[in-house]
Amino acid sequence: MAAKYHLKRASDGQFHFSLHASNGEIVLSSELYKAKASARDGIESVRQNAHRDGAFELKVAVNGKHYFVLKASNGQVIGQSQMYANRANAEGGVAAVKRYASDAGISDDC
């Protein structure tokens, strides 16, 4: 299976996407967008920013789990990872986004 962005409509009618690695695991999830075109723009922003120095920020949640966010050059969060047990696994998630972001196709489930 190839890596893919899955574009979907939420139950409230808004749109969101997730980037799935080649093994099907979700490595990045977006915020909700009111318009489908905005969600597609978000995918393009992931593609453009995934290789930019300083685009990823590793964080620790209140429960001690690790995660990361991907930010655009203006500082706006484009996507967030799942929670990981440790920092090394979160860093592996960052590497996966970098590996798949540019070439992943789009599955439009809307």
PDB file of N, CA and C in Angstrom:
ATOM      1  N   MET A   1       0.852  -1.186   0.000  1.00  0.00           N
ATOM      2  CA  MET A   1       0.000   0.000   0.000  1.00  0.00           C
ATOM      3  C   MET A   1       0.893   1.243   0.000  1.00  0.00           C
ATOM      4  N   ALA A   2       0.572   2.203  -0.825  1.00  0.00           N
ATOM      5  CA  ALA A   2       1.317   3.460  -0.880  1.00  0.00           C
ATOM      6  C   ALA A   2       0.772   4.441   0.155  1.00  0.00           C
ATOM      7  N   ALA A   3       1.609   5.369   0.558  1.00  0.00           N
ATOM      8  CA  ALA A   3       1.163   6.422   1.484  1.00  0.00           C
ATOM      9  C   ALA A   3       0.101   7.264   0.801  1.00  0.00           C
ATOM     10  N   LYS A   4      -0.872   7.753   1.595  1.00  0.00           N
ATOM     11  CA  LYS A   4      -1.975   8.549   1.037  1.00  0.00           C
ATOM     12  C   LYS A   4      -2.485   9.548   2.045  1.00  0.00           C
ATOM     13  N   TYR A   5      -2.973  10.647   1.491  1.00  0.00           N
ATOM     14  CA  TYR A   5      -3.786  11.576   2.266  1.00  0.00           C
ATOM     15  C   TYR A   5      -5.224  11.117   2.103  1.00  0.00           C
ATOM     16  N   HIS A   6      -5.956  10.996   3.201  1.00  0.00           N
ATOM     17  CA  HIS A   6      -7.375  10.654   3.148  1.00  0.00           C
ATOM     18  C   HIS A   6      -8.147  11.907   3.508  1.00  0.00           C
ATOM     19  N   LEU A   7      -8.884  12.418   2.544  1.00  0.00           N
ATOM     20  CA  LEU A   7      -9.715  13.606   2.715  1.00  0.00           C
ATOM     21  C   LEU A   7     -11.133  13.135   3.006  1.00  0.00           C
ATOM     22  N   LYS A   8     -11.687  13.601   4.123  1.00  0.00           N
ATOM     23  CA  LYS A   8     -13.012  13.137   4.551  1.00  0.00           C
ATOM     24  C   LYS A   8     -13.880  14.299   5.003  1.00  0.00           C
ATOM     25  N   ARG A   9     -15.173  14.015   5.049  1.00  0.00           N
ATOM     26  CA  ARG A   9     -16.149  14.959   5.596  1.00  0.00           C
ATOM     27  C   ARG A   9     -16.524  14.491   6.991  1.00  0.00           C
ATOM     28  N   ALA A  10     -16.449  15.400   7.962  1.00  0.00           N
ATOM     29  CA  ALA A  10     -16.825  15.084   9.345  1.00  0.00           C
ATOM     30  C   ALA A  10     -18.345  15.063   9.475  1.00  0.00           C
ATOM     31  N   SER A  11     -18.824  14.538  10.574  1.00  0.00           N
ATOM     32  CA  SER A  11     -20.274  14.433  10.789  1.00  0.00           C
ATOM     33  C   SER A  11     -20.961  15.798  10.824  1.00  0.00           C
ATOM     34  N   ASP A  12     -20.219  16.855  11.140  1.00  0.00           N
ATOM     35  CA  ASP A  12     -20.812  18.201  11.159  1.00  0.00           C
ATOM     36  C   ASP A  12     -20.721  18.906   9.811  1.00  0.00           C
ATOM     37  N   GLY A  13     -20.238  18.196   8.761  1.00  0.00           N
ATOM     38  CA  GLY A  13     -20.169  18.758   7.421  1.00  0.00           C
ATOM     39  C   GLY A  13     -18.838  19.411   7.085  1.00  0.00           C
ATOM     40  N   GLN A  14     -17.963  19.556   8.062  1.00  0.00           N
ATOM     41  CA  GLN A  14     -16.653  20.132   7.786  1.00  0.00           C
ATOM     42  C   GLN A  14     -15.739  19.062   7.192  1.00  0.00           C
ATOM     43  N   PHE A  15     -14.550  19.483   6.770  1.00  0.00           N
ATOM     44  CA  PHE A  15     -13.613  18.583   6.099  1.00  0.00           C
ATOM     45  C   PHE A  15     -12.314  18.485   6.887  1.00  0.00           C
ATOM     46  N   HIS A  16     -11.660  17.337   6.774  1.00  0.00           N
ATOM     47  CA  HIS A  16     -10.362  17.134   7.408  1.00  0.00           C
ATOM     48  C   HIS A  16      -9.611  16.076   6.618  1.00  0.00           C
ATOM     49  N   PHE A  17      -8.314  15.989   6.876  1.00  0.00           N
ATOM     50  CA  PHE A  17      -7.513  14.974   6.204  1.00  0.00           C
ATOM     51  C   PHE A  17      -6.548  14.342   7.188  1.00  0.00           C
ATOM     52  N   SER A  18      -6.069  13.180   6.814  1.00  0.00           N
ATOM     53  CA  SER A  18      -5.024  12.510   7.571  1.00  0.00           C
ATOM     54  C   SER A  18      -4.032  11.936   6.566  1.00  0.00           C
ATOM     55  N   LEU A  19      -2.772  11.921   6.966  1.00  0.00           N
ATOM     56  CA  LEU A  19      -1.719  11.326   6.146  1.00  0.00           C
ATOM     57  C   LEU A  19      -1.452   9.933   6.693  1.00  0.00           C
ATOM     58  N   HIS A  20      -1.613   8.935   5.827  1.00  0.00           N
ATOM     59  CA  HIS A  20      -1.404   7.543   6.208  1.00  0.00           C
ATOM     60  C   HIS A  20      -0.086   7.061   5.616  1.00  0.00           C
ATOM     61  N   ALA A  21       0.743   6.431   6.445  1.00  0.00           N
ATOM     62  CA  ALA A  21       1.997   5.843   5.977  1.00  0.00           C
ATOM     63  C   ALA A  21       1.686   4.644   5.087  1.00  0.00           C
ATOM     64  N   SER A  22       2.713   4.093   4.479  1.00  0.00           N
ATOM     65  CA  SER A  22       2.510   2.957   3.574  1.00  0.00           C
ATOM     66  C   SER A  22       1.957   1.729   4.293  1.00  0.00           C
ATOM     67  N   ASN A  23       2.104   1.657   5.627  1.00  0.00           N
ATOM     68  CA  ASN A  23       1.535   0.539   6.383  1.00  0.00           C
ATOM     69  C   ASN A  23       0.102   0.820   6.841  1.00  0.00           C
ATOM     70  N   GLY A  24      -0.453   1.970   6.437  1.00  0.00           N
ATOM     71  CA  GLY A  24      -1.823   2.334   6.777  1.00  0.00           C
ATOM     72  C   GLY A  24      -1.961   3.128   8.061  1.00  0.00           C
ATOM     73  N   GLU A  25      -0.896   3.264   8.831  1.00  0.00           N
ATOM     74  CA  GLU A  25      -0.939   3.996  10.099  1.00  0.00           C
ATOM     75  C   GLU A  25      -1.055   5.502   9.843  1.00  0.00           C
ATOM     76  N   ILE A  26      -1.890   6.163  10.620  1.00  0.00           N
ATOM     77  CA  ILE A  26      -2.034   7.614  10.508  1.00  0.00           C
ATOM     78  C   ILE A  26      -0.840   8.267  11.177  1.00  0.00           C
ATOM     79  N   VAL A  27      -0.129   9.116  10.432  1.00  0.00           N
ATOM     80  CA  VAL A  27       1.042   9.799  10.978  1.00  0.00           C
ATOM     81  C   VAL A  27       0.800  11.291  11.195  1.00  0.00           C
ATOM     82  N   LEU A  28      -0.267  11.837  10.622  1.00  0.00           N
ATOM     83  CA  LEU A  28      -0.594  13.247  10.805  1.00  0.00           C
ATOM     84  C   LEU A  28      -2.078  13.455  10.543  1.00  0.00           C
ATOM     85  N   SER A  29      -2.721  14.257  11.387  1.00  0.00           N
ATOM     86  CA  SER A  29      -4.145  14.582  11.217  1.00  0.00           C
ATOM     87  C   SER A  29      -4.309  16.089  11.215  1.00  0.00           C
ATOM     88  N   SER A  30      -5.236  16.562  10.412  1.00  0.00           N
ATOM     89  CA  SER A  30      -5.461  18.003  10.281  1.00  0.00           C
ATOM     90  C   SER A  30      -6.539  18.497  11.232  1.00  0.00           C
ATOM     91  N   GLU A  31      -6.680  19.806  11.239  1.00  0.00           N
ATOM     92  CA  GLU A  31      -7.801  20.456  11.902  1.00  0.00           C
ATOM     93  C   GLU A  31      -9.027  20.307  11.002  1.00  0.00           C
ATOM     94  N   LEU A  32     -10.157  20.848  11.433  1.00  0.00           N
ATOM     95  CA  LEU A  32     -11.366  20.855  10.610  1.00  0.00           C
ATOM     96  C   LEU A  32     -11.391  22.120   9.758  1.00  0.00           C
ATOM     97  N   TYR A  33     -11.858  21.969   8.537  1.00  0.00           N
ATOM     98  CA  TYR A  33     -11.985  23.079   7.590  1.00  0.00           C
ATOM     99  C   TYR A  33     -13.438  23.191   7.160  1.00  0.00           C
ATOM    100  N   LYS A  34     -13.917  24.409   6.981  1.00  0.00           N
ATOM    101  CA  LYS A  34     -15.302  24.604   6.546  1.00  0.00           C
ATOM    102  C   LYS A  34     -15.498  24.250   5.077  1.00  0.00           C
ATOM    103  N   ALA A  35     -14.463  24.443   4.265  1.00  0.00           N
ATOM    104  CA  ALA A  35     -14.570  24.186   2.827  1.00  0.00           C
ATOM    105  C   ALA A  35     -13.600  23.078   2.412  1.00  0.00           C
ATOM    106  N   LYS A  36     -14.034  22.269   1.474  1.00  0.00           N
ATOM    107  CA  LYS A  36     -13.196  21.190   0.953  1.00  0.00           C
ATOM    108  C   LYS A  36     -11.923  21.757   0.319  1.00  0.00           C
ATOM    109  N   ALA A  37     -12.051  22.860  -0.383  1.00  0.00           N
ATOM    110  CA  ALA A  37     -10.881  23.489  -1.014  1.00  0.00           C
ATOM    111  C   ALA A  37      -9.846  23.891   0.034  1.00  0.00           C
ATOM    112  N   SER A  38     -10.297  24.332   1.183  1.00  0.00           N
ATOM    113  CA  SER A  38      -9.372  24.703   2.267  1.00  0.00           C
ATOM    114  C   SER A  38      -8.626  23.479   2.795  1.00  0.00           C
ATOM    115  N   ALA A  39      -9.312  22.351   2.890  1.00  0.00           N
ATOM    116  CA  ALA A  39      -8.660  21.109   3.321  1.00  0.00           C
ATOM    117  C   ALA A  39      -7.609  20.688   2.294  1.00  0.00           C
ATOM    118  N   ARG A  40      -7.933  20.827   1.025  1.00  0.00           N
ATOM    119  CA  ARG A  40      -6.948  20.515  -0.030  1.00  0.00           C
ATOM    120  C   ARG A  40      -5.757  21.459   0.059  1.00  0.00           C
ATOM    121  N   ASP A  41      -6.002  22.722   0.371  1.00  0.00           N
ATOM    122  CA  ASP A  41      -4.906  23.674   0.580  1.00  0.00           C
ATOM    123  C   ASP A  41      -4.049  23.244   1.765  1.00  0.00           C
ATOM    124  N   GLY A  42      -4.683  22.688   2.801  1.00  0.00           N
ATOM    125  CA  GLY A  42      -3.958  22.175   3.951  1.00  0.00           C
ATOM    126  C   GLY A  42      -3.016  21.046   3.565  1.00  0.00           C
ATOM    127  N   ILE A  43      -3.471  20.159   2.690  1.00  0.00           N
ATOM    128  CA  ILE A  43      -2.615  19.073   2.197  1.00  0.00           C
ATOM    129  C   ILE A  43      -1.408  19.660   1.474  1.00  0.00           C
ATOM    130  N   GLU A  44      -1.641  20.646   0.637  1.00  0.00           N
ATOM    131  CA  GLU A  44      -0.527  21.286  -0.075  1.00  0.00           C
ATOM    132  C   GLU A  44       0.432  21.958   0.899  1.00  0.00           C
ATOM    133  N   SER A  45      -0.087  22.502   1.975  1.00  0.00           N
ATOM    134  CA  SER A  45       0.757  23.125   2.987  1.00  0.00           C
ATOM    135  C   SER A  45       1.630  22.078   3.684  1.00  0.00           C
ATOM    136  N   VAL A  46       1.079  20.895   3.948  1.00  0.00           N
ATOM    137  CA  VAL A  46       1.882  19.811   4.512  1.00  0.00           C
ATOM    138  C   VAL A  46       3.008  19.469   3.547  1.00  0.00           C
ATOM    139  N   ARG A  47       2.679  19.316   2.281  1.00  0.00           N
ATOM    140  CA  ARG A  47       3.695  18.980   1.277  1.00  0.00           C
ATOM    141  C   ARG A  47       4.809  20.021   1.250  1.00  0.00           C
ATOM    142  N   GLN A  48       4.442  21.294   1.338  1.00  0.00           N
ATOM    143  CA  GLN A  48       5.428  22.376   1.254  1.00  0.00           C
ATOM    144  C   GLN A  48       6.246  22.530   2.532  1.00  0.00           C
ATOM    145  N   ASN A  49       5.656  22.273   3.679  1.00  0.00           N
ATOM    146  CA  ASN A  49       6.326  22.554   4.944  1.00  0.00           C
ATOM    147  C   ASN A  49       7.017  21.362   5.593  1.00  0.00           C
ATOM    148  N   ALA A  50       6.731  20.160   5.163  1.00  0.00           N
ATOM    149  CA  ALA A  50       7.271  18.967   5.826  1.00  0.00           C
ATOM    150  C   ALA A  50       8.793  18.900   5.783  1.00  0.00           C
ATOM    151  N   HIS A  51       9.404  19.572   4.842  1.00  0.00           N
ATOM    152  CA  HIS A  51      10.862  19.522   4.722  1.00  0.00           C
ATOM    153  C   HIS A  51      11.527  20.830   5.142  1.00  0.00           C
ATOM    154  N   ARG A  52      10.738  21.745   5.668  1.00  0.00           N
ATOM    155  CA  ARG A  52      11.270  23.037   6.099  1.00  0.00           C
ATOM    156  C   ARG A  52      11.898  22.906   7.482  1.00  0.00           C
ATOM    157  N   ASP A  53      13.094  23.446   7.647  1.00  0.00           N
ATOM    158  CA  ASP A  53      13.747  23.440   8.952  1.00  0.00           C
ATOM    159  C   ASP A  53      12.873  24.158   9.972  1.00  0.00           C
ATOM    160  N   GLY A  54      12.701  23.556  11.126  1.00  0.00           N
ATOM    161  CA  GLY A  54      11.926  24.157  12.207  1.00  0.00           C
ATOM    162  C   GLY A  54      10.428  24.006  12.083  1.00  0.00           C
ATOM    163  N   ALA A  55       9.955  23.238  11.109  1.00  0.00           N
ATOM    164  CA  ALA A  55       8.510  23.095  10.895  1.00  0.00           C
ATOM    165  C   ALA A  55       7.849  22.183  11.922  1.00  0.00           C
ATOM    166  N   PHE A  56       8.610  21.255  12.496  1.00  0.00           N
ATOM    167  CA  PHE A  56       8.051  20.312  13.462  1.00  0.00           C
ATOM    168  C   PHE A  56       8.396  20.736  14.884  1.00  0.00           C
ATOM    169  N   GLU A  57       7.419  20.608  15.758  1.00  0.00           N
ATOM    170  CA  GLU A  57       7.639  20.884  17.174  1.00  0.00           C
ATOM    171  C   GLU A  57       7.221  19.654  17.972  1.00  0.00           C
ATOM    172  N   LEU A  58       8.180  19.088  18.697  1.00  0.00           N
ATOM    173  CA  LEU A  58       7.896  17.944  19.563  1.00  0.00           C
ATOM    174  C   LEU A  58       7.362  18.459  20.882  1.00  0.00           C
ATOM    175  N   LYS A  59       6.314  17.798  21.389  1.00  0.00           N
ATOM    176  CA  LYS A  59       5.658  18.227  22.622  1.00  0.00           C
ATOM    177  C   LYS A  59       5.400  17.029  23.528  1.00  0.00           C
ATOM    178  N   VAL A  60       5.115  17.338  24.792  1.00  0.00           N
ATOM    179  CA  VAL A  60       4.735  16.311  25.767  1.00  0.00           C
ATOM    180  C   VAL A  60       3.372  16.701  26.323  1.00  0.00           C
ATOM    181  N   ALA A  61       2.414  15.782  26.235  1.00  0.00           N
ATOM    182  CA  ALA A  61       1.066  16.017  26.750  1.00  0.00           C
ATOM    183  C   ALA A  61       1.067  15.897  28.276  1.00  0.00           C
ATOM    184  N   VAL A  62      -0.009  16.334  28.908  1.00  0.00           N
ATOM    185  CA  VAL A  62      -0.115  16.279  30.371  1.00  0.00           C
ATOM    186  C   VAL A  62      -0.042  14.847  30.900  1.00  0.00           C
ATOM    187  N   ASN A  63      -0.387  13.874  30.054  1.00  0.00           N
ATOM    188  CA  ASN A  63      -0.325  12.471  30.479  1.00  0.00           C
ATOM    189  C   ASN A  63       1.063  11.856  30.269  1.00  0.00           C
ATOM    190  N   GLY A  64       2.024  12.672  29.838  1.00  0.00           N
ATOM    191  CA  GLY A  64       3.386  12.200  29.648  1.00  0.00           C
ATOM    192  C   GLY A  64       3.677  11.606  28.282  1.00  0.00           C
ATOM    193  N   LYS A  65       2.660  11.503  27.440  1.00  0.00           N
ATOM    194  CA  LYS A  65       2.859  10.975  26.090  1.00  0.00           C
ATOM    195  C   LYS A  65       3.470  12.067  25.203  1.00  0.00           C
ATOM    196  N   HIS A  66       4.166  11.634  24.175  1.00  0.00           N
ATOM    197  CA  HIS A  66       4.839  12.547  23.256  1.00  0.00           C
ATOM    198  C   HIS A  66       4.050  12.647  21.945  1.00  0.00           C
ATOM    199  N   TYR A  67       4.105  13.818  21.340  1.00  0.00           N
ATOM    200  CA  TYR A  67       3.474  14.034  20.039  1.00  0.00           C
ATOM    201  C   TYR A  67       4.188  15.180  19.358  1.00  0.00           C
ATOM    202  N   PHE A  68       3.817  15.438  18.112  1.00  0.00           N
ATOM    203  CA  PHE A  68       4.402  16.570  17.401  1.00  0.00           C
ATOM    204  C   PHE A  68       3.324  17.305  16.626  1.00  0.00           C
ATOM    205  N   VAL A  69       3.636  18.556  16.322  1.00  0.00           N
ATOM    206  CA  VAL A  69       2.800  19.347  15.438  1.00  0.00           C
ATOM    207  C   VAL A  69       3.662  19.812  14.279  1.00  0.00           C
ATOM    208  N   LEU A  70       3.038  19.982  13.134  1.00  0.00           N
ATOM    209  CA  LEU A  70       3.675  20.543  11.951  1.00  0.00           C
ATOM    210  C   LEU A  70       3.106  21.944  11.776  1.00  0.00           C
ATOM    211  N   LYS A  71       3.993  22.921  11.666  1.00  0.00           N
ATOM    212  CA  LYS A  71       3.568  24.308  11.550  1.00  0.00           C
ATOM    213  C   LYS A  71       3.963  24.894  10.197  1.00  0.00           C
ATOM    214  N   ALA A  72       3.109  25.778   9.700  1.00  0.00           N
ATOM    215  CA  ALA A  72       3.426  26.545   8.501  1.00  0.00           C
ATOM    216  C   ALA A  72       4.450  27.616   8.873  1.00  0.00           C
ATOM    217  N   SER A  73       5.006  28.275   7.882  1.00  0.00           N
ATOM    218  CA  SER A  73       6.022  29.298   8.145  1.00  0.00           C
ATOM    219  C   SER A  73       5.468  30.472   8.950  1.00  0.00           C
ATOM    220  N   ASN A  74       4.148  30.655   8.956  1.00  0.00           N
ATOM    221  CA  ASN A  74       3.531  31.726   9.742  1.00  0.00           C
ATOM    222  C   ASN A  74       3.232  31.286  11.181  1.00  0.00           C
ATOM    223  N   GLY A  75       3.609  30.052  11.534  1.00  0.00           N
ATOM    224  CA  GLY A  75       3.410  29.535  12.882  1.00  0.00           C
ATOM    225  C   GLY A  75       2.101  28.802  13.103  1.00  0.00           C
ATOM    226  N   GLN A  76       1.210  28.821  12.125  1.00  0.00           N
ATOM    227  CA  GLN A  76      -0.082  28.146  12.262  1.00  0.00           C
ATOM    228  C   GLN A  76       0.112  26.628  12.184  1.00  0.00           C
ATOM    229  N   VAL A  77      -0.547  25.903  13.078  1.00  0.00           N
ATOM    230  CA  VAL A  77      -0.466  24.439  13.086  1.00  0.00           C
ATOM    231  C   VAL A  77      -1.251  23.893  11.901  1.00  0.00           C
ATOM    232  N   ILE A  78      -0.594  23.049  11.119  1.00  0.00           N
ATOM    233  CA  ILE A  78      -1.205  22.415   9.953  1.00  0.00           C
ATOM    234  C   ILE A  78      -1.751  21.042  10.321  1.00  0.00           C
ATOM    235  N   GLY A  79      -1.013  20.339  11.168  1.00  0.00           N
ATOM    236  CA  GLY A  79      -1.423  18.991  11.549  1.00  0.00           C
ATOM    237  C   GLY A  79      -0.757  18.557  12.836  1.00  0.00           C
ATOM    238  N   GLN A  80      -1.313  17.504  13.419  1.00  0.00           N
ATOM    239  CA  GLN A  80      -0.818  16.972  14.686  1.00  0.00           C
ATOM    240  C   GLN A  80      -0.731  15.456  14.577  1.00  0.00           C
ATOM    241  N   SER A  81       0.224  14.900  15.291  1.00  0.00           N
ATOM    242  CA  SER A  81       0.401  13.451  15.290  1.00  0.00           C
ATOM    243  C   SER A  81      -0.497  12.791  16.326  1.00  0.00           C
ATOM    244  N   GLN A  82      -0.443  11.484  16.333  1.00  0.00           N
ATOM    245  CA  GLN A  82      -1.038  10.703  17.407  1.00  0.00           C
ATOM    246  C   GLN A  82      -0.138  10.833  18.627  1.00  0.00           C
ATOM    247  N   MET A  83      -0.515  10.230  19.728  1.00  0.00           N
ATOM    248  CA  MET A  83       0.313  10.204  20.930  1.00  0.00           C
ATOM    249  C   MET A  83       1.257   9.005  20.865  1.00  0.00           C
ATOM    250  N   TYR A  84       2.493   9.228  21.293  1.00  0.00           N
ATOM    251  CA  TYR A  84       3.513   8.185  21.302  1.00  0.00           C
ATOM    252  C   TYR A  84       3.989   7.957  22.730  1.00  0.00           C
ATOM    253  N   ALA A  85       4.459   6.752  23.010  1.00  0.00           N
ATOM    254  CA  ALA A  85       4.918   6.407  24.350  1.00  0.00           C
ATOM    255  C   ALA A  85       6.193   7.144  24.739  1.00  0.00           C
ATOM    256  N   ASN A  86       7.030   7.478  23.738  1.00  0.00           N
ATOM    257  CA  ASN A  86       8.290   8.140  24.061  1.00  0.00           C
ATOM    258  C   ASN A  86       8.717   9.075  22.935  1.00  0.00           C
ATOM    259  N   ARG A  87       9.726   9.874  23.226  1.00  0.00           N
ATOM    260  CA  ARG A  87      10.215  10.870  22.273  1.00  0.00           C
ATOM    261  C   ARG A  87      10.770  10.220  21.006  1.00  0.00           C
ATOM    262  N   ALA A  88      11.481   9.119  21.157  1.00  0.00           N
ATOM    263  CA  ALA A  88      12.062   8.453  19.994  1.00  0.00           C
ATOM    264  C   ALA A  88      10.989   8.030  18.994  1.00  0.00           C
ATOM    265  N   ASN A  89       9.868   7.528  19.492  1.00  0.00           N
ATOM    266  CA  ASN A  89       8.777   7.141  18.595  1.00  0.00           C
ATOM    267  C   ASN A  89       8.157   8.359  17.927  1.00  0.00           C
ATOM    268  N   ALA A  90       8.040   9.468  18.660  1.00  0.00           N
ATOM    269  CA  ALA A  90       7.522  10.707  18.059  1.00  0.00           C
ATOM    270  C   ALA A  90       8.472  11.197  16.970  1.00  0.00           C
ATOM    271  N   GLU A  91       9.765  11.100  17.211  1.00  0.00           N
ATOM    272  CA  GLU A  91      10.746  11.485  16.191  1.00  0.00           C
ATOM    273  C   GLU A  91      10.629  10.580  14.964  1.00  0.00           C
ATOM    274  N   GLY A  92      10.319   9.306  15.186  1.00  0.00           N
ATOM    275  CA  GLY A  92      10.062   8.400  14.068  1.00  0.00           C
ATOM    276  C   GLY A  92       8.836   8.824  13.276  1.00  0.00           C
ATOM    277  N   GLY A  93       7.822   9.343  13.972  1.00  0.00           N
ATOM    278  CA  GLY A  93       6.636   9.865  13.289  1.00  0.00           C
ATOM    279  C   GLY A  93       6.970  11.072  12.429  1.00  0.00           C
ATOM    280  N   VAL A  94       7.816  11.953  12.942  1.00  0.00           N
ATOM    281  CA  VAL A  94       8.268  13.116  12.158  1.00  0.00           C
ATOM    282  C   VAL A  94       8.976  12.633  10.894  1.00  0.00           C
ATOM    283  N   ALA A  95       9.856  11.645  11.047  1.00  0.00           N
ATOM    284  CA  ALA A  95      10.577  11.101   9.896  1.00  0.00           C
ATOM    285  C   ALA A  95       9.617  10.509   8.871  1.00  0.00           C
ATOM    286  N   ALA A  96       8.551   9.874   9.345  1.00  0.00           N
ATOM    287  CA  ALA A  96       7.559   9.294   8.427  1.00  0.00           C
ATOM    288  C   ALA A  96       6.833  10.384   7.651  1.00  0.00           C
ATOM    289  N   VAL A  97       6.453  11.459   8.315  1.00  0.00           N
ATOM    290  CA  VAL A  97       5.789  12.564   7.610  1.00  0.00           C
ATOM    291  C   VAL A  97       6.736  13.127   6.555  1.00  0.00           C
ATOM    292  N   LYS A  98       7.977  13.339   6.924  1.00  0.00           N
ATOM    293  CA  LYS A  98       8.957  13.857   5.965  1.00  0.00           C
ATOM    294  C   LYS A  98       9.105  12.920   4.775  1.00  0.00           C
ATOM    295  N   ARG A  99       9.090  11.624   5.035  1.00  0.00           N
ATOM    296  CA  ARG A  99       9.271  10.619   3.983  1.00  0.00           C
ATOM    297  C   ARG A  99       8.080  10.572   3.027  1.00  0.00           C
ATOM    298  N   TYR A 100       6.863  10.702   3.554  1.00  0.00           N
ATOM    299  CA  TYR A 100       5.668  10.481   2.739  1.00  0.00           C
ATOM    300  C   TYR A 100       4.962  11.737   2.237  1.00  0.00           C
ATOM    301  N   ALA A 101       5.173  12.873   2.868  1.00  0.00           N
ATOM    302  CA  ALA A 101       4.361  14.071   2.605  1.00  0.00           C
ATOM    303  C   ALA A 101       4.356  14.499   1.144  1.00  0.00           C
ATOM    304  N   SER A 102       5.499  14.499   0.510  1.00  0.00           N
ATOM    305  CA  SER A 102       5.601  15.057  -0.842  1.00  0.00           C
ATOM    306  C   SER A 102       4.930  14.197  -1.903  1.00  0.00           C
ATOM    307  N   ASP A 103       5.058  12.885  -1.791  1.00  0.00           N
ATOM    308  CA  ASP A 103       4.626  11.999  -2.874  1.00  0.00           C
ATOM    309  C   ASP A 103       3.306  11.272  -2.652  1.00  0.00           C
ATOM    310  N   ALA A 104       2.734  11.407  -1.470  1.00  0.00           N
ATOM    311  CA  ALA A 104       1.493  10.681  -1.185  1.00  0.00           C
ATOM    312  C   ALA A 104       0.354  11.188  -2.060  1.00  0.00           C
ATOM    313  N   GLY A 105      -0.418  10.266  -2.565  1.00  0.00           N
ATOM    314  CA  GLY A 105      -1.598  10.628  -3.339  1.00  0.00           C
ATOM    315  C   GLY A 105      -2.733  11.055  -2.410  1.00  0.00           C
ATOM    316  N   ILE A 106      -3.863  11.420  -3.006  1.00  0.00           N
ATOM    317  CA  ILE A 106      -5.020  11.853  -2.224  1.00  0.00           C
ATOM    318  C   ILE A 106      -6.186  10.922  -2.509  1.00  0.00           C
ATOM    319  N   SER A 107      -6.755  10.377  -1.450  1.00  0.00           N
ATOM    320  CA  SER A 107      -7.977   9.598  -1.535  1.00  0.00           C
ATOM    321  C   SER A 107      -9.105  10.513  -1.052  1.00  0.00           C
ATOM    322  N   ASP A 108      -9.993  10.876  -1.934  1.00  0.00           N
ATOM    323  CA  ASP A 108     -11.076  11.803  -1.628  1.00  0.00           C
ATOM    324  C   ASP A 108     -12.316  10.999  -1.285  1.00  0.00           C
ATOM    325  N   ASP A 109     -12.626  10.931   0.026  1.00  0.00           N
ATOM    326  CA  ASP A 109     -13.763  10.150   0.513  1.00  0.00           C
ATOM    327  C   ASP A 109     -14.992  11.020   0.770  1.00  0.00           C
ATOM    328  N   CYS A 110     -15.028  12.203   0.178  1.00  0.00           N
ATOM    329  CA  CYS A 110     -16.128  13.141   0.435  1.00  0.00           C
ATOM    330  C   CYS A 110     -17.256  12.938  -0.550  1.00  0.00           C
TER     331      CYS A 110
END
